[in-house]
Structures are given as C-alpha cells and as structure tokens.
Amino acid sequence: MEHKTGLKPTCREVHRLVSEGLDRELSLIERARMRLHLVVCDACTRFNGQMALLRAAMKGFPLDLDAPPAPPAPPHDGGDQHRH
C-alpha cells in the first residue's frame, strides 16, 4: 500500500491508521503524523473517538460466542444516595 510522505497525512490515511491501530501498535512516526492531523481535523478526531468507543464496547463482549451471557447487575436500591 502506498503512503504519502508528507508531514500531514490525508483523512483517508488517518482513517487507515486508526483502523490499523486497532490491530497493531503504530510506529512513532505513524502516531506523530496521525496526531498532527487530528489537531486540525474535527472529522477525523470524531472518527478516532468513535473507533475508541467501539473498541471499548467490544472488549466487554465474551470471546466465546457459545458462553452464557453475564448475569444482570443487581438493581440499585438507592440506599446509599444522599437524602435531603
């Protein structure tokens, strides 16, 4: 895959780097170039945040799809709330 050699990558390259960063550790140069772009591009910053949210959500899923679901959390009775 061909990469741009400029200091600031394109949005397309940043999207690729964000995605690749989910599967592998990016190099120092890749991270620096991506961060430089994120400073000036709100759309890519939002995309990066969305991918981070998805990654965090996926960490909560069991790796074994045949595993039983986790039990539900007990209901909160409100006993420790401040009363006025």
C-alpha atoms as a PDB file:
ATOM      1  CA  MET A   1       0.000   0.000   0.000  1.00  0.00           C
ATOM      2  CA  GLU A   2       1.346   3.385  -0.955  1.00  0.00           C
ATOM      3  CA  HIS A   3       1.735   6.022   1.768  1.00  0.00           C
ATOM      4  CA  LYS A   4       2.034   9.757   1.436  1.00  0.00           C
ATOM      5  CA  THR A   5       5.415  11.051   2.541  1.00  0.00           C
ATOM      6  CA  GLY A   6       4.255  14.498   3.625  1.00  0.00           C
ATOM      7  CA  LEU A   7       4.238  15.503   7.260  1.00  0.00           C
ATOM      8  CA  LYS A   8       0.427  15.786   7.482  1.00  0.00           C
ATOM      9  CA  PRO A   9      -1.422  12.701   6.204  1.00  0.00           C
ATOM     10  CA  THR A  10      -4.720  12.838   4.346  1.00  0.00           C
ATOM     11  CA  CYS A  11      -8.035  11.977   6.008  1.00  0.00           C
ATOM     12  CA  ARG A  12      -8.016   8.670   4.125  1.00  0.00           C
ATOM     13  CA  GLU A  13      -4.601   7.781   5.530  1.00  0.00           C
ATOM     14  CA  VAL A  14      -5.653   8.766   9.062  1.00  0.00           C
ATOM     15  CA  HIS A  15      -8.731   6.525   8.800  1.00  0.00           C
ATOM     16  CA  ARG A  16      -6.457   3.679   7.707  1.00  0.00           C
ATOM     17  CA  LEU A  17      -4.040   4.355  10.573  1.00  0.00           C
ATOM     18  CA  VAL A  18      -6.866   4.489  13.123  1.00  0.00           C
ATOM     19  CA  SER A  19      -8.152   1.148  11.849  1.00  0.00           C
ATOM     20  CA  GLU A  20      -4.695  -0.433  11.754  1.00  0.00           C
ATOM     21  CA  GLY A  21      -4.044   0.873  15.251  1.00  0.00           C
ATOM     22  CA  LEU A  22      -6.842  -1.414  16.468  1.00  0.00           C
ATOM     23  CA  ASP A  23      -4.874  -4.450  15.280  1.00  0.00           C
ATOM     24  CA  ARG A  24      -1.262  -3.449  15.809  1.00  0.00           C
ATOM     25  CA  GLU A  25       0.886  -0.871  17.556  1.00  0.00           C
ATOM     26  CA  LEU A  26       1.566   2.060  15.258  1.00  0.00           C
ATOM     27  CA  SER A  27       5.129   3.273  14.817  1.00  0.00           C
ATOM     28  CA  LEU A  28       6.238   6.503  16.460  1.00  0.00           C
ATOM     29  CA  ILE A  29       6.195   8.245  13.062  1.00  0.00           C
ATOM     30  CA  GLU A  30       2.687   6.964  12.266  1.00  0.00           C
ATOM     31  CA  ARG A  31       1.357   8.103  15.643  1.00  0.00           C
ATOM     32  CA  ALA A  32       3.011  11.532  15.327  1.00  0.00           C
ATOM     33  CA  ARG A  33       1.645  12.100  11.822  1.00  0.00           C
ATOM     34  CA  MET A  34      -1.825  10.983  12.879  1.00  0.00           C
ATOM     35  CA  ARG A  35      -1.841  13.246  15.948  1.00  0.00           C
ATOM     36  CA  LEU A  36      -0.717  16.201  13.855  1.00  0.00           C
ATOM     37  CA  HIS A  37      -3.675  15.643  11.532  1.00  0.00           C
ATOM     38  CA  LEU A  38      -6.120  15.169  14.419  1.00  0.00           C
ATOM     39  CA  VAL A  39      -5.154  18.591  15.799  1.00  0.00           C
ATOM     40  CA  VAL A  40      -6.562  20.275  12.690  1.00  0.00           C
ATOM     41  CA  CYS A  41      -9.307  17.898  11.503  1.00  0.00           C
ATOM     42  CA  ASP A  42     -12.523  17.666  13.534  1.00  0.00           C
ATOM     43  CA  ALA A  43     -13.990  14.931  11.304  1.00  0.00           C
ATOM     44  CA  CYS A  44     -11.028  12.597  11.813  1.00  0.00           C
ATOM     45  CA  THR A  45     -10.976  13.408  15.532  1.00  0.00           C
ATOM     46  CA  ARG A  46     -14.635  12.309  15.740  1.00  0.00           C
ATOM     47  CA  PHE A  47     -13.843   9.155  13.729  1.00  0.00           C
ATOM     48  CA  ASN A  48     -10.958   8.344  16.077  1.00  0.00           C
ATOM     49  CA  GLY A  49     -13.246   8.817  19.085  1.00  0.00           C
ATOM     50  CA  GLN A  50     -15.926   6.596  17.563  1.00  0.00           C
ATOM     51  CA  MET A  51     -13.381   3.837  16.921  1.00  0.00           C
ATOM     52  CA  ALA A  52     -12.123   4.113  20.508  1.00  0.00           C
ATOM     53  CA  LEU A  53     -15.712   3.801  21.761  1.00  0.00           C
ATOM     54  CA  LEU A  54     -16.297   0.724  19.595  1.00  0.00           C
ATOM     55  CA  ARG A  55     -13.055  -0.842  20.775  1.00  0.00           C
ATOM     56  CA  ALA A  56     -14.030  -0.301  24.427  1.00  0.00           C
ATOM     57  CA  ALA A  57     -17.508  -1.738  23.796  1.00  0.00           C
ATOM     58  CA  MET A  58     -16.111  -4.798  22.051  1.00  0.00           C
ATOM     59  CA  LYS A  59     -13.805  -5.525  24.980  1.00  0.00           C
ATOM     60  CA  GLY A  60     -16.960  -6.192  27.018  1.00  0.00           C
ATOM     61  CA  PHE A  61     -18.096  -8.999  24.708  1.00  0.00           C
ATOM     62  CA  PRO A  62     -17.112 -12.573  25.540  1.00  0.00           C
ATOM     63  CA  LEU A  63     -14.568 -14.135  23.198  1.00  0.00           C
ATOM     64  CA  ASP A  64     -16.504 -17.419  23.265  1.00  0.00           C
ATOM     65  CA  LEU A  65     -19.805 -16.814  21.482  1.00  0.00           C
ATOM     66  CA  ASP A  66     -21.176 -20.038  22.989  1.00  0.00           C
ATOM     67  CA  ALA A  67     -20.510 -18.779  26.524  1.00  0.00           C
ATOM     68  CA  PRO A  68     -23.579 -17.924  28.571  1.00  0.00           C
ATOM     69  CA  PRO A  69     -24.285 -14.202  28.964  1.00  0.00           C
ATOM     70  CA  ALA A  70     -23.111 -12.478  32.098  1.00  0.00           C
ATOM     71  CA  PRO A  71     -25.757 -12.238  34.836  1.00  0.00           C
ATOM     72  CA  PRO A  72     -27.545  -8.889  35.043  1.00  0.00           C
ATOM     73  CA  ALA A  73     -26.349  -6.393  37.601  1.00  0.00           C
ATOM     74  CA  PRO A  74     -28.438  -6.322  40.779  1.00  0.00           C
ATOM     75  CA  PRO A  75     -30.974  -3.484  40.912  1.00  0.00           C
ATOM     76  CA  HIS A  76     -29.820  -0.369  42.729  1.00  0.00           C
ATOM     77  CA  ASP A  77     -31.994   0.173  45.818  1.00  0.00           C
ATOM     78  CA  GLY A  78     -30.951   3.791  46.268  1.00  0.00           C
ATOM     79  CA  GLY A  79     -29.941   3.192  49.886  1.00  0.00           C
ATOM     80  CA  ASP A  80     -26.631   4.997  49.580  1.00  0.00           C
ATOM     81  CA  GLN A  81     -27.953   8.150  47.950  1.00  0.00           C
ATOM     82  CA  HIS A  82     -27.896  11.425  49.802  1.00  0.00           C
ATOM     83  CA  ARG A  83     -31.247  12.322  51.337  1.00  0.00           C
ATOM     84  CA  HIS A  84     -32.357  15.908  51.762  1.00  0.00           C
END
